[in-house]
Amino acid sequence: MVLILPTFFYAWDGYDFENSSHVEIVKENLVHLGWDIEMYGYGTGEYKDVEVQSIRGSRSVAEVEVYDYKNR
């Protein structure tokens, strides 16, 4: 799953291209490579834990690739 997120907000809002839905990374999460984070999927209406696989980006936008344990 790849998410595109603006990096200047307290909670990161973005888009899940695999599931064609908006997502939000909960603001209490620190996004670091290899860490588990909690995110909310607006398409499913559920929170889920995912592992950060990669982070690429600039000061204003980041691409975060995560592994979803539940929906492999």
C-alpha atoms as a PDB file:
ATOM      1  CA  MET A   1       0.000   0.000   0.000  1.00  0.00           C
ATOM      2  CA  VAL A   2       1.409   3.417  -0.928  1.00  0.00           C
ATOM      3  CA  LEU A   3       0.138   6.616   0.644  1.00  0.00           C
ATOM      4  CA  ILE A   4       0.786  10.184  -0.497  1.00  0.00           C
ATOM      5  CA  LEU A   5       0.690  12.539   2.485  1.00  0.00           C
ATOM      6  CA  PRO A   6       1.341  16.227   3.174  1.00  0.00           C
ATOM      7  CA  THR A   7       3.970  16.480   5.906  1.00  0.00           C
ATOM      8  CA  PHE A   8       3.070  19.794   7.512  1.00  0.00           C
ATOM      9  CA  PHE A   9      -0.042  18.740   9.459  1.00  0.00           C
ATOM     10  CA  TYR A  10      -0.246  17.237  12.934  1.00  0.00           C
ATOM     11  CA  ALA A  11      -2.302  14.328  11.601  1.00  0.00           C
ATOM     12  CA  TRP A  12      -1.306  13.214   8.131  1.00  0.00           C
ATOM     13  CA  ASP A  13      -4.100  13.011   5.579  1.00  0.00           C
ATOM     14  CA  GLY A  14      -3.478  11.120   2.395  1.00  0.00           C
ATOM     15  CA  TYR A  15      -4.710   8.732  -0.240  1.00  0.00           C
ATOM     16  CA  ASP A  16      -4.450   4.953  -0.432  1.00  0.00           C
ATOM     17  CA  PHE A  17      -3.997   4.190  -4.130  1.00  0.00           C
ATOM     18  CA  GLU A  18      -4.470   0.422  -3.791  1.00  0.00           C
ATOM     19  CA  ASN A  19      -7.883   0.798  -2.151  1.00  0.00           C
ATOM     20  CA  SER A  20      -8.862   4.103  -3.791  1.00  0.00           C
ATOM     21  CA  SER A  21      -9.742   5.806  -0.520  1.00  0.00           C
ATOM     22  CA  HIS A  22      -8.614   8.593   1.754  1.00  0.00           C
ATOM     23  CA  VAL A  23      -6.653   7.764   4.906  1.00  0.00           C
ATOM     24  CA  GLU A  24      -5.392   9.542   7.989  1.00  0.00           C
ATOM     25  CA  ILE A  25      -2.403   8.634  10.104  1.00  0.00           C
ATOM     26  CA  VAL A  26      -3.395   9.262  13.698  1.00  0.00           C
ATOM     27  CA  LYS A  27      -1.573  12.326  15.045  1.00  0.00           C
ATOM     28  CA  GLU A  28      -0.060  10.546  18.058  1.00  0.00           C
ATOM     29  CA  ASN A  29       1.971   8.320  15.689  1.00  0.00           C
ATOM     30  CA  LEU A  30       5.586   8.999  14.810  1.00  0.00           C
ATOM     31  CA  VAL A  31       6.292   7.819  11.278  1.00  0.00           C
ATOM     32  CA  HIS A  32       9.662   6.064  11.145  1.00  0.00           C
ATOM     33  CA  LEU A  33      10.934   3.297   8.892  1.00  0.00           C
ATOM     34  CA  GLY A  34      10.104  -0.116  10.354  1.00  0.00           C
ATOM     35  CA  TRP A  35       7.698   1.203  12.988  1.00  0.00           C
ATOM     36  CA  ASP A  36       4.051   0.227  13.315  1.00  0.00           C
ATOM     37  CA  ILE A  37       1.559   3.071  13.059  1.00  0.00           C
ATOM     38  CA  GLU A  38      -2.194   3.329  13.349  1.00  0.00           C
ATOM     39  CA  MET A  39      -4.167   4.752  10.454  1.00  0.00           C
ATOM     40  CA  TYR A  40      -7.819   5.349   9.719  1.00  0.00           C
ATOM     41  CA  GLY A  41      -9.260   4.342   6.350  1.00  0.00           C
ATOM     42  CA  TYR A  42     -12.237   6.436   5.307  1.00  0.00           C
ATOM     43  CA  GLY A  43     -13.253   3.817   2.724  1.00  0.00           C
ATOM     44  CA  THR A  44     -13.635   1.091   5.356  1.00  0.00           C
ATOM     45  CA  GLY A  45     -14.409   3.300   8.353  1.00  0.00           C
ATOM     46  CA  GLU A  46     -11.848   1.351  10.399  1.00  0.00           C
ATOM     47  CA  TYR A  47      -8.572   1.907  12.202  1.00  0.00           C
ATOM     48  CA  LYS A  48      -5.749  -0.500  11.402  1.00  0.00           C
ATOM     49  CA  ASP A  49      -2.134  -1.074  12.292  1.00  0.00           C
ATOM     50  CA  VAL A  50       0.394  -1.017   9.453  1.00  0.00           C
ATOM     51  CA  GLU A  51       4.194  -1.190   9.271  1.00  0.00           C
ATOM     52  CA  VAL A  52       6.132   1.641   7.591  1.00  0.00           C
ATOM     53  CA  GLN A  53       8.159   0.075   4.746  1.00  0.00           C
ATOM     54  CA  SER A  54       9.586   3.235   3.141  1.00  0.00           C
ATOM     55  CA  ILE A  55       9.375   7.015   3.309  1.00  0.00           C
ATOM     56  CA  ARG A  56      10.225   9.257   0.366  1.00  0.00           C
ATOM     57  CA  GLY A  57       9.486  12.910  -0.075  1.00  0.00           C
ATOM     58  CA  SER A  58      10.196  16.562   0.415  1.00  0.00           C
ATOM     59  CA  ARG A  59       9.298  19.191   2.960  1.00  0.00           C
ATOM     60  CA  SER A  60       5.650  19.408   1.913  1.00  0.00           C
ATOM     61  CA  VAL A  61       4.688  15.934   0.595  1.00  0.00           C
ATOM     62  CA  ALA A  62       5.806  12.429   1.519  1.00  0.00           C
ATOM     63  CA  GLU A  63       5.163   9.062  -0.041  1.00  0.00           C
ATOM     64  CA  VAL A  64       4.875   6.460   2.693  1.00  0.00           C
ATOM     65  CA  GLU A  65       4.718   2.786   1.773  1.00  0.00           C
ATOM     66  CA  VAL A  66       3.178   0.587   4.451  1.00  0.00           C
ATOM     67  CA  TYR A  67       2.505  -3.108   4.940  1.00  0.00           C
ATOM     68  CA  ASP A  68      -1.030  -3.949   6.022  1.00  0.00           C
ATOM     69  CA  TYR A  69      -0.895  -7.088   8.193  1.00  0.00           C
ATOM     70  CA  LYS A  70      -4.619  -7.701   7.914  1.00  0.00           C
ATOM     71  CA  ASN A  71      -5.087  -7.330   4.134  1.00  0.00           C
ATOM     72  CA  ARG A  72      -2.008  -8.999   2.685  1.00  0.00           C
END
